[in-house]
Amino acid sequence: DWFELYNPTDVAIDLSGWRVSDTATNNTHYFLPNNTFVNPRSFLMIWADGTGAGLTPDGAVHANFKLNESGETISLFSSTGALVDTVRFGVMAPNISQGRWPDGSTGLLASMNRPTPVGVNLLNEEDGIAPKVTTVTGGANAVTLTWQSVAGRRYHVQYRNSINEPVWRNLSGDVDATGTNAQKIDTTSGASPSRFYRVMLLP
């Protein structure tokens, strides 16, 4: 069992003395050890293995409780005991992780086919595709695609003019995301009565 905390800021955060729990009411369940830091745009891995072994040399933490695969709550409390954040998850499927997407968002939990401990949360990323295209606008001369993105990640757009075409074609020019939305303009679509797109998250 494991979960992770994400630091979306540009400065390291000291979580020494903060608390985590598998309930929303017990703010003294497990105290994070001294020198527990989360680096900027990084993750803190917490093993819910029931050992309470504390901070390991690799920077992970071993808590004194376990998580229930039938569903449970994970809560984060400040060093004063104030509830900072809580997540309630349902029944867990084998080899499927759940998390907020994009990282640092306050939205609902999403299921992810590829668990990425201490790494960026990815949706349906078995083949590198990030499918959450939110809008497609334009006319005869250009089409603009907008999708949910992760700041600092690079995306590649492909297209085909028929859903039955066997090969996806590349749109030139990758997109470096700077926020939670990224955009690509296709100026080659004018002669096509229809066009299908996919957005790929590059390693």
C-alpha atoms as a PDB file:
ATOM      1  CA  ASP A   1       0.000   0.000   0.000  1.00  0.00           C
ATOM      2  CA  TRP A   2       1.305   3.451  -0.846  1.00  0.00           C
ATOM      3  CA  PHE A   3       0.213   6.996  -1.522  1.00  0.00           C
ATOM      4  CA  GLU A   4       2.070  10.180  -2.328  1.00  0.00           C
ATOM      5  CA  LEU A   5       1.948  13.884  -1.592  1.00  0.00           C
ATOM      6  CA  TYR A   6       2.709  16.367  -4.375  1.00  0.00           C
ATOM      7  CA  ASN A   7       4.337  19.774  -3.960  1.00  0.00           C
ATOM      8  CA  PRO A   8       3.091  22.048  -6.793  1.00  0.00           C
ATOM      9  CA  THR A   9       5.197  25.047  -5.713  1.00  0.00           C
ATOM     10  CA  ASP A  10       8.671  26.217  -6.680  1.00  0.00           C
ATOM     11  CA  VAL A  11      10.096  25.865  -3.167  1.00  0.00           C
ATOM     12  CA  ALA A  12      10.797  22.841  -0.958  1.00  0.00           C
ATOM     13  CA  ILE A  13       8.202  22.194   1.751  1.00  0.00           C
ATOM     14  CA  ASP A  14       9.132  20.937   5.217  1.00  0.00           C
ATOM     15  CA  LEU A  15       6.493  18.463   6.436  1.00  0.00           C
ATOM     16  CA  SER A  16       8.285  17.566   9.674  1.00  0.00           C
ATOM     17  CA  GLY A  17       5.652  17.002  12.353  1.00  0.00           C
ATOM     18  CA  TRP A  18       2.750  16.989   9.919  1.00  0.00           C
ATOM     19  CA  ARG A  19       0.377  14.067  10.277  1.00  0.00           C
ATOM     20  CA  VAL A  20      -1.252  11.519   7.944  1.00  0.00           C
ATOM     21  CA  SER A  21      -4.076   9.138   8.714  1.00  0.00           C
ATOM     22  CA  ASP A  22      -6.519   6.688   7.156  1.00  0.00           C
ATOM     23  CA  THR A  23      -9.418   8.628   8.708  1.00  0.00           C
ATOM     24  CA  ALA A  24     -10.529  12.255   8.503  1.00  0.00           C
ATOM     25  CA  THR A  25     -10.776  12.591  12.284  1.00  0.00           C
ATOM     26  CA  ASN A  26      -7.634  11.056  13.824  1.00  0.00           C
ATOM     27  CA  ASN A  27      -5.015  13.802  13.568  1.00  0.00           C
ATOM     28  CA  THR A  28      -2.478  11.994  15.758  1.00  0.00           C
ATOM     29  CA  HIS A  29      -2.418   8.700  13.856  1.00  0.00           C
ATOM     30  CA  TYR A  30       1.048   9.093  12.323  1.00  0.00           C
ATOM     31  CA  PHE A  31       3.484  12.011  12.628  1.00  0.00           C
ATOM     32  CA  LEU A  32       5.841  12.529   9.702  1.00  0.00           C
ATOM     33  CA  PRO A  33       9.467  12.335  10.909  1.00  0.00           C
ATOM     34  CA  ASN A  34      11.842  15.278  11.253  1.00  0.00           C
ATOM     35  CA  ASN A  35      13.584  16.277   8.011  1.00  0.00           C
ATOM     36  CA  THR A  36      10.668  15.153   5.847  1.00  0.00           C
ATOM     37  CA  PHE A  37      10.808  17.454   2.830  1.00  0.00           C
ATOM     38  CA  VAL A  38       9.024  17.538  -0.522  1.00  0.00           C
ATOM     39  CA  ASN A  39      11.121  19.197  -3.208  1.00  0.00           C
ATOM     40  CA  PRO A  40       9.600  21.663  -5.713  1.00  0.00           C
ATOM     41  CA  ARG A  41       7.294  20.001  -8.273  1.00  0.00           C
ATOM     42  CA  SER A  42       8.076  16.670  -6.630  1.00  0.00           C
ATOM     43  CA  PHE A  43       6.461  13.859  -4.676  1.00  0.00           C
ATOM     44  CA  LEU A  44       6.774  12.317  -1.226  1.00  0.00           C
ATOM     45  CA  MET A  45       6.163   8.572  -1.238  1.00  0.00           C
ATOM     46  CA  ILE A  46       4.436   7.183   1.849  1.00  0.00           C
ATOM     47  CA  TRP A  47       4.315   3.413   2.280  1.00  0.00           C
ATOM     48  CA  ALA A  48       1.191   2.480   4.235  1.00  0.00           C
ATOM     49  CA  ASP A  49       2.744  -0.791   5.360  1.00  0.00           C
ATOM     50  CA  GLY A  50       1.907  -0.612   9.054  1.00  0.00           C
ATOM     51  CA  THR A  51       5.547  -0.675  10.165  1.00  0.00           C
ATOM     52  CA  GLY A  52       5.934   2.928  11.301  1.00  0.00           C
ATOM     53  CA  ALA A  53       9.580   2.643  10.269  1.00  0.00           C
ATOM     54  CA  GLY A  54       9.755   6.344   9.430  1.00  0.00           C
ATOM     55  CA  LEU A  55      11.980   8.039   6.875  1.00  0.00           C
ATOM     56  CA  THR A  56      14.236   5.822   4.755  1.00  0.00           C
ATOM     57  CA  PRO A  57      17.488   6.880   3.016  1.00  0.00           C
ATOM     58  CA  ASP A  58      15.685   7.108  -0.339  1.00  0.00           C
ATOM     59  CA  GLY A  59      13.385   9.810   1.051  1.00  0.00           C
ATOM     60  CA  ALA A  60      10.259   7.646   1.410  1.00  0.00           C
ATOM     61  CA  VAL A  61       8.240   7.327   4.604  1.00  0.00           C
ATOM     62  CA  HIS A  62       6.818   4.144   6.169  1.00  0.00           C
ATOM     63  CA  ALA A  63       3.607   4.873   8.103  1.00  0.00           C
ATOM     64  CA  ASN A  64       2.064   2.856  10.924  1.00  0.00           C
ATOM     65  CA  PHE A  65      -1.201   2.040   9.153  1.00  0.00           C
ATOM     66  CA  LYS A  66      -2.375   0.163   6.070  1.00  0.00           C
ATOM     67  CA  LEU A  67      -5.014   0.978   3.457  1.00  0.00           C
ATOM     68  CA  ASN A  68      -8.138  -1.068   2.765  1.00  0.00           C
ATOM     69  CA  GLU A  69      -8.531  -2.175  -0.862  1.00  0.00           C
ATOM     70  CA  SER A  70     -12.313  -1.987  -0.373  1.00  0.00           C
ATOM     71  CA  GLY A  71     -12.069   1.795   0.052  1.00  0.00           C
ATOM     72  CA  GLU A  72     -10.872   4.212   2.667  1.00  0.00           C
ATOM     73  CA  THR A  73      -9.888   7.789   3.453  1.00  0.00           C
ATOM     74  CA  ILE A  74      -6.422   9.345   3.378  1.00  0.00           C
ATOM     75  CA  SER A  75      -5.999  12.613   5.267  1.00  0.00           C
ATOM     76  CA  LEU A  76      -3.206  15.145   5.709  1.00  0.00           C
ATOM     77  CA  PHE A  77      -3.024  17.333   8.813  1.00  0.00           C
ATOM     78  CA  SER A  78      -0.698  20.253   9.537  1.00  0.00           C
ATOM     79  CA  SER A  79       1.752  20.232  12.427  1.00  0.00           C
ATOM     80  CA  THR A  80      -0.948  21.915  14.543  1.00  0.00           C
ATOM     81  CA  GLY A  81      -3.475  19.168  13.754  1.00  0.00           C
ATOM     82  CA  ALA A  82      -5.578  21.156  11.278  1.00  0.00           C
ATOM     83  CA  LEU A  83      -7.065  19.128   8.403  1.00  0.00           C
ATOM     84  CA  VAL A  84      -5.333  20.268   5.192  1.00  0.00           C
ATOM     85  CA  ASP A  85      -6.580  17.749   2.647  1.00  0.00           C
ATOM     86  CA  THR A  86      -8.484  14.490   2.487  1.00  0.00           C
ATOM     87  CA  VAL A  87      -9.155  11.944  -0.249  1.00  0.00           C
ATOM     88  CA  ARG A  88     -11.777   9.216  -0.198  1.00  0.00           C
ATOM     89  CA  PHE A  89     -11.179   6.310  -2.577  1.00  0.00           C
ATOM     90  CA  GLY A  90     -13.440   3.402  -3.436  1.00  0.00           C
ATOM     91  CA  VAL A  91     -12.771  -0.238  -4.259  1.00  0.00           C
ATOM     92  CA  MET A  92      -9.324  -0.611  -5.831  1.00  0.00           C
ATOM     93  CA  ALA A  93      -8.784  -2.809  -8.883  1.00  0.00           C
ATOM     94  CA  PRO A  94      -5.539  -4.795  -9.288  1.00  0.00           C
ATOM     95  CA  ASN A  95      -2.698  -2.808 -10.885  1.00  0.00           C
ATOM     96  CA  ILE A  96      -4.826   0.344 -11.199  1.00  0.00           C
ATOM     97  CA  SER A  97      -3.826   3.424  -9.254  1.00  0.00           C
ATOM     98  CA  GLN A  98      -5.977   6.455  -8.469  1.00  0.00           C
ATOM     99  CA  GLY A  99      -4.908  10.042  -8.224  1.00  0.00           C
ATOM    100  CA  ARG A 100      -5.654  13.620  -9.044  1.00  0.00           C
ATOM    101  CA  TRP A 101      -5.001  14.657 -12.603  1.00  0.00           C
ATOM    102  CA  PRO A 102      -3.270  16.864 -13.471  1.00  0.00           C
ATOM    103  CA  ASP A 103      -0.992  16.722 -10.426  1.00  0.00           C
ATOM    104  CA  GLY A 104      -1.899  19.359  -7.864  1.00  0.00           C
ATOM    105  CA  SER A 105      -5.472  19.800  -9.099  1.00  0.00           C
ATOM    106  CA  THR A 106      -8.440  19.726  -6.750  1.00  0.00           C
ATOM    107  CA  GLY A 107     -10.656  17.659  -9.024  1.00  0.00           C
ATOM    108  CA  LEU A 108     -12.052  14.181  -8.634  1.00  0.00           C
ATOM    109  CA  LEU A 109      -9.830  11.133  -8.521  1.00  0.00           C
ATOM    110  CA  ALA A 110      -9.023   9.472 -11.829  1.00  0.00           C
ATOM    111  CA  SER A 111      -8.125   5.821 -12.405  1.00  0.00           C
ATOM    112  CA  MET A 112      -4.788   5.220 -14.098  1.00  0.00           C
ATOM    113  CA  ASN A 113      -3.734   2.075 -15.898  1.00  0.00           C
ATOM    114  CA  ARG A 114      -0.065   2.777 -15.296  1.00  0.00           C
ATOM    115  CA  PRO A 115       0.892   3.466 -11.669  1.00  0.00           C
ATOM    116  CA  THR A 116       3.674   6.065 -11.513  1.00  0.00           C
ATOM    117  CA  PRO A 117       5.013   6.205  -7.939  1.00  0.00           C
ATOM    118  CA  VAL A 118       7.099   9.369  -7.393  1.00  0.00           C
ATOM    119  CA  GLY A 119       6.234  10.388 -10.952  1.00  0.00           C
ATOM    120  CA  VAL A 120       3.709  12.432 -12.910  1.00  0.00           C
ATOM    121  CA  ASN A 121       0.161  11.016 -12.863  1.00  0.00           C
ATOM    122  CA  LEU A 122      -0.789   9.816 -16.345  1.00  0.00           C
ATOM    123  CA  LEU A 123      -4.225   8.981 -17.743  1.00  0.00           C
ATOM    124  CA  ASN A 124      -4.551   5.885 -19.950  1.00  0.00           C
ATOM    125  CA  GLU A 125      -0.841   6.135 -20.700  1.00  0.00           C
ATOM    126  CA  GLU A 126      -0.200   2.523 -21.720  1.00  0.00           C
ATOM    127  CA  ASP A 127       0.730   3.747 -25.193  1.00  0.00           C
ATOM    128  CA  GLY A 128       1.810   7.267 -24.267  1.00  0.00           C
ATOM    129  CA  ILE A 129      -1.490   8.906 -25.201  1.00  0.00           C
ATOM    130  CA  ALA A 130      -3.020  11.590 -22.998  1.00  0.00           C
ATOM    131  CA  PRO A 131      -6.625  11.610 -24.280  1.00  0.00           C
ATOM    132  CA  LYS A 132      -8.217  14.561 -22.505  1.00  0.00           C
ATOM    133  CA  VAL A 133      -8.710  16.906 -25.484  1.00  0.00           C
ATOM    134  CA  THR A 134     -11.186  19.486 -24.176  1.00  0.00           C
ATOM    135  CA  THR A 135     -12.006  21.652 -27.201  1.00  0.00           C
ATOM    136  CA  VAL A 136     -11.565  21.599 -30.968  1.00  0.00           C
ATOM    137  CA  THR A 137     -12.320  24.854 -32.770  1.00  0.00           C
ATOM    138  CA  GLY A 138     -11.671  26.338 -36.202  1.00  0.00           C
ATOM    139  CA  GLY A 139     -12.772  26.333 -39.782  1.00  0.00           C
ATOM    140  CA  ALA A 140     -11.520  25.589 -43.282  1.00  0.00           C
ATOM    141  CA  ASN A 141      -8.023  27.012 -42.830  1.00  0.00           C
ATOM    142  CA  ALA A 142      -7.011  26.002 -39.316  1.00  0.00           C
ATOM    143  CA  VAL A 143      -8.094  23.812 -36.411  1.00  0.00           C
ATOM    144  CA  THR A 144      -7.111  24.584 -32.801  1.00  0.00           C
ATOM    145  CA  LEU A 145      -6.920  21.744 -30.301  1.00  0.00           C
ATOM    146  CA  THR A 146      -6.838  22.413 -26.546  1.00  0.00           C
ATOM    147  CA  TRP A 147      -6.159  19.706 -23.967  1.00  0.00           C
ATOM    148  CA  GLN A 148      -5.505  19.277 -20.275  1.00  0.00           C
ATOM    149  CA  SER A 149      -1.765  19.200 -19.683  1.00  0.00           C
ATOM    150  CA  VAL A 150       0.925  18.994 -17.043  1.00  0.00           C
ATOM    151  CA  ALA A 151       3.251  21.992 -16.831  1.00  0.00           C
ATOM    152  CA  GLY A 152       6.771  21.143 -17.926  1.00  0.00           C
ATOM    153  CA  ARG A 153       5.745  18.146 -20.046  1.00  0.00           C
ATOM    154  CA  ARG A 154       6.037  17.907 -23.838  1.00  0.00           C
ATOM    155  CA  TYR A 155       3.214  16.775 -26.130  1.00  0.00           C
ATOM    156  CA  HIS A 156       3.072  15.539 -29.704  1.00  0.00           C
ATOM    157  CA  VAL A 157      -0.033  15.668 -31.924  1.00  0.00           C
ATOM    158  CA  GLN A 158      -0.898  13.151 -34.623  1.00  0.00           C
ATOM    159  CA  TYR A 159      -3.810  12.962 -37.070  1.00  0.00           C
ATOM    160  CA  ARG A 160      -5.464  10.862 -39.714  1.00  0.00           C
ATOM    161  CA  ASN A 161      -8.131  11.880 -42.217  1.00  0.00           C
ATOM    162  CA  SER A 162     -10.154   8.689 -41.870  1.00  0.00           C
ATOM    163  CA  ILE A 163     -10.787   6.633 -38.787  1.00  0.00           C
ATOM    164  CA  ASN A 164      -9.872   3.575 -40.899  1.00  0.00           C
ATOM    165  CA  GLU A 165      -6.448   4.825 -41.981  1.00  0.00           C
ATOM    166  CA  PRO A 166      -3.824   2.386 -40.691  1.00  0.00           C
ATOM    167  CA  VAL A 167      -1.162   4.996 -39.816  1.00  0.00           C
ATOM    168  CA  TRP A 168      -1.243   8.160 -37.743  1.00  0.00           C
ATOM    169  CA  ARG A 169       0.558  11.140 -39.305  1.00  0.00           C
ATOM    170  CA  ASN A 170       2.639  13.622 -37.324  1.00  0.00           C
ATOM    171  CA  LEU A 171       1.886  17.315 -36.975  1.00  0.00           C
ATOM    172  CA  SER A 172       5.214  19.131 -36.932  1.00  0.00           C
ATOM    173  CA  GLY A 173       6.273  21.005 -33.825  1.00  0.00           C
ATOM    174  CA  ASP A 174       5.880  19.528 -30.355  1.00  0.00           C
ATOM    175  CA  VAL A 175       4.155  21.523 -27.609  1.00  0.00           C
ATOM    176  CA  ASP A 176       5.851  22.325 -24.280  1.00  0.00           C
ATOM    177  CA  ALA A 177       3.088  22.829 -21.718  1.00  0.00           C
ATOM    178  CA  THR A 178       3.383  25.799 -19.368  1.00  0.00           C
ATOM    179  CA  GLY A 179       0.169  25.221 -17.418  1.00  0.00           C
ATOM    180  CA  THR A 180      -2.864  22.988 -17.033  1.00  0.00           C
ATOM    181  CA  ASN A 181      -3.948  23.558 -20.644  1.00  0.00           C
ATOM    182  CA  ALA A 182      -1.924  23.281 -23.851  1.00  0.00           C
ATOM    183  CA  GLN A 183      -2.800  24.105 -27.427  1.00  0.00           C
ATOM    184  CA  LYS A 184      -1.847  23.200 -30.987  1.00  0.00           C
ATOM    185  CA  ILE A 185      -2.990  24.810 -34.243  1.00  0.00           C
ATOM    186  CA  ASP A 186      -3.258  22.603 -37.325  1.00  0.00           C
ATOM    187  CA  THR A 187      -2.983  24.692 -40.481  1.00  0.00           C
ATOM    188  CA  THR A 188      -2.869  21.660 -42.787  1.00  0.00           C
ATOM    189  CA  SER A 189      -6.491  20.565 -42.425  1.00  0.00           C
ATOM    190  CA  GLY A 190      -8.028  22.728 -45.155  1.00  0.00           C
ATOM    191  CA  ALA A 191      -8.364  20.053 -47.860  1.00  0.00           C
ATOM    192  CA  SER A 192      -9.721  17.370 -45.524  1.00  0.00           C
ATOM    193  CA  PRO A 193     -13.498  16.950 -45.082  1.00  0.00           C
ATOM    194  CA  SER A 194     -12.790  15.286 -41.731  1.00  0.00           C
ATOM    195  CA  ARG A 195      -9.790  14.754 -39.465  1.00  0.00           C
ATOM    196  CA  PHE A 196      -9.098  12.727 -36.326  1.00  0.00           C
ATOM    197  CA  TYR A 197      -6.489  13.697 -33.744  1.00  0.00           C
ATOM    198  CA  ARG A 198      -4.628  12.179 -30.840  1.00  0.00           C
ATOM    199  CA  VAL A 199      -2.317  13.883 -28.343  1.00  0.00           C
ATOM    200  CA  MET A 200       0.704  11.974 -27.094  1.00  0.00           C
ATOM    201  CA  LEU A 201       2.548  12.683 -23.868  1.00  0.00           C
ATOM    202  CA  LEU A 202       6.260  12.315 -24.563  1.00  0.00           C
ATOM    203  CA  PRO A 203       8.615  10.674 -22.033  1.00  0.00           C
END
